[in-house]
C-alpha atoms as a PDB file:
ATOM      1  CA  UNK A   1     -72.794 115.265  18.182  1.00  0.00           C
ATOM      2  CA  UNK A   2     -71.613 114.522  21.137  1.00  0.00           C
ATOM      3  CA  UNK A   3     -71.467 109.922  22.491  1.00  0.00           C
ATOM      4  CA  UNK A   4     -74.658 110.277  24.092  1.00  0.00           C
ATOM      5  CA  UNK A   5     -76.575 112.047  20.728  1.00  0.00           C
ATOM      6  CA  UNK A   6     -74.283 109.174  19.064  1.00  0.00           C
ATOM      7  CA  UNK A   7     -75.730 106.470  20.983  1.00  0.00           C
ATOM      8  CA  UNK A   8     -79.392 107.761  20.724  1.00  0.00           C
ATOM      9  CA  UNK A   9     -78.998 107.781  17.579  1.00  0.00           C
ATOM     10  CA  UNK A  10     -77.563 104.316  16.709  1.00  0.00           C
ATOM     11  CA  UNK A  11     -80.315 102.779  19.193  1.00  0.00           C
ATOM     12  CA  UNK A  12     -82.622 104.317  16.950  1.00  0.00           C
ATOM     13  CA  UNK A  13     -81.247 103.514  13.752  1.00  0.00           C
ATOM     14  CA  UNK A  14     -81.046  99.694  14.833  1.00  0.00           C
ATOM     15  CA  UNK A  15     -84.211 100.041  16.487  1.00  0.00           C
ATOM     16  CA  UNK A  16     -82.671  98.851  19.810  1.00  0.00           C
ATOM     17  CA  UNK A  17     -82.575  99.594  23.531  1.00  0.00           C
ATOM     18  CA  UNK A  18     -79.856 102.428  23.868  1.00  0.00           C
ATOM     19  CA  UNK A  19     -78.095 100.594  26.832  1.00  0.00           C
ATOM     20  CA  UNK A  20     -77.560  98.005  24.097  1.00  0.00           C
ATOM     21  CA  UNK A  21     -76.370 100.913  21.888  1.00  0.00           C
ATOM     22  CA  UNK A  22     -73.877 102.240  24.106  1.00  0.00           C
ATOM     23  CA  UNK A  23     -72.578  98.722  24.329  1.00  0.00           C
ATOM     24  CA  UNK A  24     -71.916  98.088  21.168  1.00  0.00           C
ATOM     25  CA  UNK A  25     -70.320 102.052  20.916  1.00  0.00           C
ATOM     26  CA  UNK A  26     -68.345 101.124  23.863  1.00  0.00           C
ATOM     27  CA  UNK A  27     -66.888  97.732  22.232  1.00  0.00           C
ATOM     28  CA  UNK A  28     -65.826  99.517  18.906  1.00  0.00           C
ATOM     29  CA  UNK A  29     -64.221 102.224  20.589  1.00  0.00           C
ATOM     30  CA  UNK A  30     -62.686  99.626  23.327  1.00  0.00           C
ATOM     31  CA  UNK A  31     -61.224  98.027  19.935  1.00  0.00           C
ATOM     32  CA  UNK A  32     -59.888 100.587  18.176  1.00  0.00           C
ATOM     33  CA  UNK A  33     -58.434 101.785  20.720  1.00  0.00           C
ATOM     34  CA  UNK A  34     -56.685  98.364  21.470  1.00  0.00           C
ATOM     35  CA  UNK A  35     -55.348  98.025  18.183  1.00  0.00           C
ATOM     36  CA  UNK A  36     -53.627 101.345  17.886  1.00  0.00           C
ATOM     37  CA  UNK A  37     -52.102 100.959  21.579  1.00  0.00           C
ATOM     38  CA  UNK A  38     -51.187  97.476  20.078  1.00  0.00           C
ATOM     39  CA  UNK A  39     -49.516  99.715  16.873  1.00  0.00           C
ATOM     40  CA  UNK A  40     -52.177  97.757  14.657  1.00  0.00           C
ATOM     41  CA  UNK A  41     -53.750  99.953  11.826  1.00  0.00           C
ATOM     42  CA  UNK A  42     -57.743 100.024  11.886  1.00  0.00           C
ATOM     43  CA  UNK A  43     -59.448 100.284   8.207  1.00  0.00           C
ATOM     44  CA  UNK A  44     -62.712 100.471   7.220  1.00  0.00           C
ATOM     45  CA  UNK A  45     -62.573 100.628   3.289  1.00  0.00           C
ATOM     46  CA  UNK A  46     -64.834 103.579   1.904  1.00  0.00           C
ATOM     47  CA  UNK A  47     -64.581 105.335   5.914  1.00  0.00           C
ATOM     48  CA  UNK A  48     -61.372 105.763   6.510  1.00  0.00           C
ATOM     49  CA  UNK A  49     -58.654 104.327   8.672  1.00  0.00           C
ATOM     50  CA  UNK A  50     -57.191 104.636  12.132  1.00  0.00           C
ATOM     51  CA  UNK A  51     -53.307 104.502  12.809  1.00  0.00           C
ATOM     52  CA  UNK A  52     -50.651 106.032  15.476  1.00  0.00           C
ATOM     53  CA  UNK A  53     -48.267 108.494  14.113  1.00  0.00           C
ATOM     54  CA  UNK A  54     -44.724 109.331  15.761  1.00  0.00           C
ATOM     55  CA  UNK A  55     -44.322 112.736  16.242  1.00  0.00           C
ATOM     56  CA  UNK A  56     -40.176 113.846  16.539  1.00  0.00           C
ATOM     57  CA  UNK A  57     -38.843 115.481  19.638  1.00  0.00           C
ATOM     58  CA  UNK A  58     -38.468 118.819  18.964  1.00  0.00           C
ATOM     59  CA  UNK A  59     -37.323 121.924  20.170  1.00  0.00           C
ATOM     60  CA  UNK A  60     -40.428 124.460  21.255  1.00  0.00           C
ATOM     61  CA  UNK A  61     -40.293 128.123  22.894  1.00  0.00           C
ATOM     62  CA  UNK A  62     -42.344 129.242  26.074  1.00  0.00           C
ATOM     63  CA  UNK A  63     -44.803 131.705  25.378  1.00  0.00           C
ATOM     64  CA  UNK A  64     -44.706 133.235  28.161  1.00  0.00           C
ATOM     65  CA  UNK A  65     -40.791 133.597  28.178  1.00  0.00           C
ATOM     66  CA  UNK A  66     -39.479 132.762  25.089  1.00  0.00           C
ATOM     67  CA  UNK A  67     -36.907 130.323  26.486  1.00  0.00           C
ATOM     68  CA  UNK A  68     -36.448 127.310  24.423  1.00  0.00           C
ATOM     69  CA  UNK A  69     -37.753 123.637  25.661  1.00  0.00           C
ATOM     70  CA  UNK A  70     -37.554 120.466  24.774  1.00  0.00           C
ATOM     71  CA  UNK A  71     -40.671 118.214  23.873  1.00  0.00           C
ATOM     72  CA  UNK A  72     -40.172 114.609  23.608  1.00  0.00           C
ATOM     73  CA  UNK A  73     -41.237 112.363  20.744  1.00  0.00           C
ATOM     74  CA  UNK A  74     -44.726 111.349  21.561  1.00  0.00           C
ATOM     75  CA  UNK A  75     -46.887 108.960  19.527  1.00  0.00           C
ATOM     76  CA  UNK A  76     -50.690 110.349  18.449  1.00  0.00           C
ATOM     77  CA  UNK A  77     -53.553 109.090  16.803  1.00  0.00           C
ATOM     78  CA  UNK A  78     -54.498 109.886  13.276  1.00  0.00           C
ATOM     79  CA  UNK A  79     -57.718 109.466  10.977  1.00  0.00           C
ATOM     80  CA  UNK A  80     -57.497 109.624   7.432  1.00  0.00           C
ATOM     81  CA  UNK A  81     -60.842 109.444   5.751  1.00  0.00           C
ATOM     82  CA  UNK A  82     -61.626 107.226   3.163  1.00  0.00           C
ATOM     83  CA  UNK A  83     -62.875 108.152  -0.478  1.00  0.00           C
ATOM     84  CA  UNK A  84     -66.504 107.067  -0.282  1.00  0.00           C
ATOM     85  CA  UNK A  85     -66.826 109.739   2.894  1.00  0.00           C
ATOM     86  CA  UNK A  86     -65.023 112.507   1.239  1.00  0.00           C
ATOM     87  CA  UNK A  87     -67.505 112.324  -1.404  1.00  0.00           C
ATOM     88  CA  UNK A  88     -70.135 112.343   0.452  1.00  0.00           C
ATOM     89  CA  UNK A  89     -69.148 115.241   2.824  1.00  0.00           C
ATOM     90  CA  UNK A  90     -68.455 117.123  -0.546  1.00  0.00           C
ATOM     91  CA  UNK A  91     -72.113 115.876  -2.356  1.00  0.00           C
ATOM     92  CA  UNK A  92     -73.212 117.544   0.802  1.00  0.00           C
ATOM     93  CA  UNK A  93     -71.971 121.097   0.747  1.00  0.00           C
ATOM     94  CA  UNK A  94     -74.330 123.857   1.452  1.00  0.00           C
ATOM     95  CA  UNK A  95     -76.344 121.103   3.112  1.00  0.00           C
ATOM     96  CA  UNK A  96     -74.898 121.355   6.717  1.00  0.00           C
ATOM     97  CA  UNK A  97     -73.153 124.122   8.808  1.00  0.00           C
ATOM     98  CA  UNK A  98     -69.592 123.921   8.489  1.00  0.00           C
END
């Protein structure tokens, strides 16, 4: 499901115009993004949580030459599924595609 399909499903689910659903989704994603940028964790009980994780600096290898290269420390967004979401996905095994 891509963003357009999600917006359409949201509009149908809430019985609202597509434009309004798109504004709502964009607003939610903007809030989550800004909280992560500010170093905050965003948690939805039962669904999951979003937080920023730090990847330490490390030495990698250039795949073409094999030469070592330094990879800088970076921050990456991370999502952890909640218990209710995990249970729902596991209960649906075999019902959808993998």
